[in-house]
Amino acid sequence: MIGAQPVMIAFRFLHIVSGALWVGSAFLFVGFIGPSAAEVGPSAGPLMSAAVKKRKVATVITILGAVTVTAGWIMWFRDMNDYGGIGSWLDSAFGKGITTGAVLATITFFIGYFGVGRNVERLVSLGDEIAASGGPPSPEQVASLSRTGAALEKHGKLDLVLLLLAVSAMATARYW
């Protein structure tokens, strides 16, 4: 049985553990830390700077997403081969469910990387720049903060919804 092979167990472990951490991190940041930092304003700057620049939270979450998606696609190809090819795989209910989750997770990874991670880093860098100046932000900085914050919120919410849909598709694929 292929599912019991040590290499597949390792990929499944990586996929599930990194996926759980990825989804949990997205939920925590999109649902609580981001809105709280926005509500608190500039006084959240040192904490966000430490999390993003020192602890590299955006990079860690990106790595978790990359491991999840990569391990998932490796398992997807193995499962597809077990079904005798892509046609049989996508004709099966299980194949449709897993493929739907895989595509959603892959899209989410790119939205997270380009729309969330990079915008978090930009926002924190801008906040650090404003704090270092010692004065109030310039009109350009205020506009950039607003624009980046709005993009971050939009992409973060989209990221979380797509992640939840991907998890739901994979968790229920056996029952499609």
C-alpha atoms as a PDB file:
ATOM      1  CA  MET A   1       0.000   0.000   0.000  1.00  0.00           C
ATOM      2  CA  ILE A   2       1.562   3.261  -1.162  1.00  0.00           C
ATOM      3  CA  GLY A   3      -0.006   5.363   1.600  1.00  0.00           C
ATOM      4  CA  ALA A   4       1.971   3.392   4.187  1.00  0.00           C
ATOM      5  CA  GLN A   5       5.358   3.867   2.532  1.00  0.00           C
ATOM      6  CA  PRO A   6       7.742   5.822   4.782  1.00  0.00           C
ATOM      7  CA  VAL A   7       8.299   8.555   2.189  1.00  0.00           C
ATOM      8  CA  MET A   8       4.554   9.124   1.840  1.00  0.00           C
ATOM      9  CA  ILE A   9       4.145   9.172   5.606  1.00  0.00           C
ATOM     10  CA  ALA A  10       6.860  11.834   5.774  1.00  0.00           C
ATOM     11  CA  PHE A  11       5.189  13.943   3.065  1.00  0.00           C
ATOM     12  CA  ARG A  12       1.806  13.557   4.732  1.00  0.00           C
ATOM     13  CA  PHE A  13       3.296  14.610   8.074  1.00  0.00           C
ATOM     14  CA  LEU A  14       4.964  17.663   6.506  1.00  0.00           C
ATOM     15  CA  HIS A  15       1.794  18.555   4.620  1.00  0.00           C
ATOM     16  CA  ILE A  16      -0.530  18.319   7.601  1.00  0.00           C
ATOM     17  CA  VAL A  17       1.713  19.883  10.262  1.00  0.00           C
ATOM     18  CA  SER A  18       2.949  22.761   8.104  1.00  0.00           C
ATOM     19  CA  GLY A  19      -0.608  23.249   6.796  1.00  0.00           C
ATOM     20  CA  ALA A  20      -2.037  23.450  10.310  1.00  0.00           C
ATOM     21  CA  LEU A  21       0.609  25.993  11.290  1.00  0.00           C
ATOM     22  CA  TRP A  22       0.035  27.970   8.065  1.00  0.00           C
ATOM     23  CA  VAL A  23      -3.739  28.159   8.520  1.00  0.00           C
ATOM     24  CA  GLY A  24      -3.402  28.895  12.235  1.00  0.00           C
ATOM     25  CA  SER A  25      -0.900  31.681  11.581  1.00  0.00           C
ATOM     26  CA  ALA A  26      -3.124  33.223   8.923  1.00  0.00           C
ATOM     27  CA  PHE A  27      -6.134  33.060  11.241  1.00  0.00           C
ATOM     28  CA  LEU A  28      -4.211  34.633  14.124  1.00  0.00           C
ATOM     29  CA  PHE A  29      -2.750  37.461  12.044  1.00  0.00           C
ATOM     30  CA  VAL A  30      -5.778  38.245   9.877  1.00  0.00           C
ATOM     31  CA  GLY A  31      -8.313  37.830  12.661  1.00  0.00           C
ATOM     32  CA  PHE A  32      -6.513  39.334  15.623  1.00  0.00           C
ATOM     33  CA  ILE A  33      -2.984  40.711  15.342  1.00  0.00           C
ATOM     34  CA  GLY A  34      -3.482  42.805  12.188  1.00  0.00           C
ATOM     35  CA  PRO A  35      -6.741  44.429  13.313  1.00  0.00           C
ATOM     36  CA  SER A  36      -5.337  44.989  16.818  1.00  0.00           C
ATOM     37  CA  ALA A  37      -2.177  46.618  15.454  1.00  0.00           C
ATOM     38  CA  ALA A  38      -4.288  48.857  13.201  1.00  0.00           C
ATOM     39  CA  GLU A  39      -6.502  49.803  16.145  1.00  0.00           C
ATOM     40  CA  VAL A  40      -3.572  50.560  18.454  1.00  0.00           C
ATOM     41  CA  GLY A  41      -1.741  52.532  15.775  1.00  0.00           C
ATOM     42  CA  PRO A  42       1.884  53.658  16.056  1.00  0.00           C
ATOM     43  CA  SER A  43       2.376  52.124  19.497  1.00  0.00           C
ATOM     44  CA  ALA A  44       2.073  48.676  17.866  1.00  0.00           C
ATOM     45  CA  GLY A  45       5.127  49.503  15.745  1.00  0.00           C
ATOM     46  CA  PRO A  46       7.842  48.055  17.999  1.00  0.00           C
ATOM     47  CA  LEU A  47       5.994  44.753  18.423  1.00  0.00           C
ATOM     48  CA  MET A  48       5.258  44.447  14.702  1.00  0.00           C
ATOM     49  CA  SER A  49       8.833  45.402  13.850  1.00  0.00           C
ATOM     50  CA  ALA A  50      10.189  42.737  16.202  1.00  0.00           C
ATOM     51  CA  ALA A  51       7.810  40.095  14.795  1.00  0.00           C
ATOM     52  CA  VAL A  52       8.367  40.952  11.135  1.00  0.00           C
ATOM     53  CA  LYS A  53      11.992  42.062  11.005  1.00  0.00           C
ATOM     54  CA  LYS A  54      13.637  40.241  13.888  1.00  0.00           C
ATOM     55  CA  ARG A  55      11.573  37.052  14.092  1.00  0.00           C
ATOM     56  CA  LYS A  56      10.823  37.006  10.313  1.00  0.00           C
ATOM     57  CA  VAL A  57       7.174  36.001  10.781  1.00  0.00           C
ATOM     58  CA  ALA A  58       6.234  36.691   7.150  1.00  0.00           C
ATOM     59  CA  THR A  59       9.118  34.527   5.943  1.00  0.00           C
ATOM     60  CA  VAL A  60       8.246  31.710   8.342  1.00  0.00           C
ATOM     61  CA  ILE A  61       4.604  31.719   7.241  1.00  0.00           C
ATOM     62  CA  THR A  62       5.701  31.745   3.588  1.00  0.00           C
ATOM     63  CA  ILE A  63       7.967  28.743   4.227  1.00  0.00           C
ATOM     64  CA  LEU A  64       5.096  26.916   5.956  1.00  0.00           C
ATOM     65  CA  GLY A  65       2.909  27.579   2.917  1.00  0.00           C
ATOM     66  CA  ALA A  66       5.624  26.436   0.510  1.00  0.00           C
ATOM     67  CA  VAL A  67       6.206  23.189   2.433  1.00  0.00           C
ATOM     68  CA  THR A  68       2.460  22.544   2.611  1.00  0.00           C
ATOM     69  CA  VAL A  69       1.888  23.114  -1.097  1.00  0.00           C
ATOM     70  CA  THR A  70       5.009  21.259  -2.239  1.00  0.00           C
ATOM     71  CA  ALA A  71       4.339  18.191  -0.085  1.00  0.00           C
ATOM     72  CA  GLY A  72       0.699  18.293  -1.147  1.00  0.00           C
ATOM     73  CA  TRP A  73       1.492  18.330  -4.848  1.00  0.00           C
ATOM     74  CA  ILE A  74       3.987  15.479  -4.446  1.00  0.00           C
ATOM     75  CA  MET A  75       1.263  13.397  -2.789  1.00  0.00           C
ATOM     76  CA  TRP A  76      -1.232  14.532  -5.453  1.00  0.00           C
ATOM     77  CA  PHE A  77       1.010  13.170  -8.232  1.00  0.00           C
ATOM     78  CA  ARG A  78       1.509   9.886  -6.377  1.00  0.00           C
ATOM     79  CA  ASP A  79      -2.253   9.535  -5.856  1.00  0.00           C
ATOM     80  CA  MET A  80      -2.914  10.406  -9.504  1.00  0.00           C
ATOM     81  CA  ASN A  81      -0.557   7.619 -10.570  1.00  0.00           C
ATOM     82  CA  ASP A  82      -2.377   5.175  -8.274  1.00  0.00           C
ATOM     83  CA  TYR A  83      -5.607   5.991 -10.107  1.00  0.00           C
ATOM     84  CA  GLY A  84      -3.993   5.203 -13.451  1.00  0.00           C
ATOM     85  CA  GLY A  85      -3.585   8.743 -14.761  1.00  0.00           C
ATOM     86  CA  ILE A  86      -5.059  12.190 -14.645  1.00  0.00           C
ATOM     87  CA  GLY A  87      -8.329  11.285 -16.360  1.00  0.00           C
ATOM     88  CA  SER A  88      -9.259   8.591 -13.851  1.00  0.00           C
ATOM     89  CA  TRP A  89      -7.980  10.718 -10.974  1.00  0.00           C
ATOM     90  CA  LEU A  90     -10.088  13.741 -11.887  1.00  0.00           C
ATOM     91  CA  ASP A  91     -13.120  11.537 -12.608  1.00  0.00           C
ATOM     92  CA  SER A  92     -13.029  10.247  -9.043  1.00  0.00           C
ATOM     93  CA  ALA A  93     -14.806  12.190  -6.320  1.00  0.00           C
ATOM     94  CA  PHE A  94     -11.734  11.992  -4.109  1.00  0.00           C
ATOM     95  CA  GLY A  95      -9.489  13.290  -6.914  1.00  0.00           C
ATOM     96  CA  LYS A  96     -11.838  16.217  -7.555  1.00  0.00           C
ATOM     97  CA  GLY A  97     -11.905  17.146  -3.876  1.00  0.00           C
ATOM     98  CA  ILE A  98      -8.149  16.914  -3.389  1.00  0.00           C
ATOM     99  CA  THR A  99      -7.471  18.759  -6.656  1.00  0.00           C
ATOM    100  CA  THR A 100      -9.860  21.559  -5.694  1.00  0.00           C
ATOM    101  CA  GLY A 101      -8.075  21.930  -2.352  1.00  0.00           C
ATOM    102  CA  ALA A 102      -4.655  21.787  -4.003  1.00  0.00           C
ATOM    103  CA  VAL A 103      -5.486  24.489  -6.536  1.00  0.00           C
ATOM    104  CA  LEU A 104      -7.007  26.730  -3.841  1.00  0.00           C
ATOM    105  CA  ALA A 105      -3.991  26.248  -1.567  1.00  0.00           C
ATOM    106  CA  THR A 106      -1.579  27.029  -4.398  1.00  0.00           C
ATOM    107  CA  ILE A 107      -3.436  30.230  -5.307  1.00  0.00           C
ATOM    108  CA  THR A 108      -3.512  31.139  -1.629  1.00  0.00           C
ATOM    109  CA  PHE A 109       0.237  30.650  -1.332  1.00  0.00           C
ATOM    110  CA  PHE A 110       0.880  33.216  -4.065  1.00  0.00           C
ATOM    111  CA  ILE A 111      -1.682  35.674  -2.676  1.00  0.00           C
ATOM    112  CA  GLY A 112      -0.087  35.274   0.731  1.00  0.00           C
ATOM    113  CA  TYR A 113       3.424  35.768  -0.578  1.00  0.00           C
ATOM    114  CA  PHE A 114       2.775  38.743  -2.847  1.00  0.00           C
ATOM    115  CA  GLY A 115      -0.274  40.339  -1.228  1.00  0.00           C
ATOM    116  CA  VAL A 116       0.188  39.673   2.471  1.00  0.00           C
ATOM    117  CA  GLY A 117       3.837  38.966   3.285  1.00  0.00           C
ATOM    118  CA  ARG A 118       5.320  41.721   1.168  1.00  0.00           C
ATOM    119  CA  ASN A 119       2.713  44.264   2.296  1.00  0.00           C
ATOM    120  CA  VAL A 120       3.336  43.422   5.967  1.00  0.00           C
ATOM    121  CA  GLU A 121       7.030  44.027   5.426  1.00  0.00           C
ATOM    122  CA  ARG A 122       6.342  47.303   3.589  1.00  0.00           C
ATOM    123  CA  LEU A 123       3.983  48.499   6.309  1.00  0.00           C
ATOM    124  CA  VAL A 124       6.448  47.708   9.100  1.00  0.00           C
ATOM    125  CA  SER A 125       9.335  49.341   7.224  1.00  0.00           C
ATOM    126  CA  LEU A 126       7.251  52.448   6.662  1.00  0.00           C
ATOM    127  CA  GLY A 127       6.277  52.518  10.339  1.00  0.00           C
ATOM    128  CA  ASP A 128       9.924  52.166  11.346  1.00  0.00           C
ATOM    129  CA  GLU A 129      10.859  54.984   8.964  1.00  0.00           C
ATOM    130  CA  ILE A 130       8.206  57.253  10.463  1.00  0.00           C
ATOM    131  CA  ALA A 131       9.246  56.388  14.024  1.00  0.00           C
ATOM    132  CA  ALA A 132      12.917  57.052  13.216  1.00  0.00           C
ATOM    133  CA  SER A 133      12.084  60.495  11.838  1.00  0.00           C
ATOM    134  CA  GLY A 134      10.811  61.527  15.258  1.00  0.00           C
ATOM    135  CA  GLY A 135       8.032  63.621  13.796  1.00  0.00           C
ATOM    136  CA  PRO A 136       4.591  63.096  12.373  1.00  0.00           C
ATOM    137  CA  PRO A 137       4.301  61.221   9.081  1.00  0.00           C
ATOM    138  CA  SER A 138       4.367  63.197   5.872  1.00  0.00           C
ATOM    139  CA  PRO A 139       1.231  63.282   3.703  1.00  0.00           C
ATOM    140  CA  GLU A 140       2.948  60.853   1.323  1.00  0.00           C
ATOM    141  CA  GLN A 141       3.711  58.472   4.188  1.00  0.00           C
ATOM    142  CA  VAL A 142       0.123  58.678   5.441  1.00  0.00           C
ATOM    143  CA  ALA A 143      -1.147  57.885   1.942  1.00  0.00           C
ATOM    144  CA  SER A 144       1.289  54.989   1.618  1.00  0.00           C
ATOM    145  CA  LEU A 145       0.293  53.639   5.048  1.00  0.00           C
ATOM    146  CA  SER A 146      -3.362  53.818   4.099  1.00  0.00           C
ATOM    147  CA  ARG A 147      -2.873  52.239   0.671  1.00  0.00           C
ATOM    148  CA  THR A 148      -0.628  49.435   1.964  1.00  0.00           C
ATOM    149  CA  GLY A 149      -2.866  48.772   4.970  1.00  0.00           C
ATOM    150  CA  ALA A 150      -5.957  48.503   2.751  1.00  0.00           C
ATOM    151  CA  ALA A 151      -4.173  46.118   0.355  1.00  0.00           C
ATOM    152  CA  LEU A 152      -2.934  44.056   3.281  1.00  0.00           C
ATOM    153  CA  GLU A 153      -6.408  43.789   4.778  1.00  0.00           C
ATOM    154  CA  LYS A 154      -7.974  42.810   1.432  1.00  0.00           C
ATOM    155  CA  HIS A 155      -5.350  40.202   0.595  1.00  0.00           C
ATOM    156  CA  GLY A 156      -5.273  38.867   4.160  1.00  0.00           C
ATOM    157  CA  LYS A 157      -9.021  38.260   4.218  1.00  0.00           C
ATOM    158  CA  LEU A 158      -8.936  36.661   0.769  1.00  0.00           C
ATOM    159  CA  ASP A 159      -5.990  34.523   1.853  1.00  0.00           C
ATOM    160  CA  LEU A 160      -7.827  33.276   4.935  1.00  0.00           C
ATOM    161  CA  VAL A 161     -11.064  32.507   3.065  1.00  0.00           C
ATOM    162  CA  LEU A 162      -9.194  30.570   0.367  1.00  0.00           C
ATOM    163  CA  LEU A 163      -7.196  28.654   2.976  1.00  0.00           C
ATOM    164  CA  LEU A 164     -10.376  27.657   4.775  1.00  0.00           C
ATOM    165  CA  LEU A 165     -11.950  26.562   1.489  1.00  0.00           C
ATOM    166  CA  ALA A 166      -8.827  24.541   0.614  1.00  0.00           C
ATOM    167  CA  VAL A 167      -8.825  22.816   3.998  1.00  0.00           C
ATOM    168  CA  SER A 168     -12.550  22.131   3.710  1.00  0.00           C
ATOM    169  CA  ALA A 169     -12.165  20.641   0.234  1.00  0.00           C
ATOM    170  CA  MET A 170      -9.341  18.353   1.342  1.00  0.00           C
ATOM    171  CA  ALA A 171     -10.993  17.362   4.609  1.00  0.00           C
ATOM    172  CA  THR A 172     -14.214  16.361   2.842  1.00  0.00           C
ATOM    173  CA  ALA A 173     -12.726  14.986  -0.413  1.00  0.00           C
ATOM    174  CA  ARG A 174     -13.399  11.414   0.631  1.00  0.00           C
ATOM    175  CA  TYR A 175     -17.135  12.215   0.746  1.00  0.00           C
ATOM    176  CA  TRP A 176     -17.587  14.069  -2.557  1.00  0.00           C
END
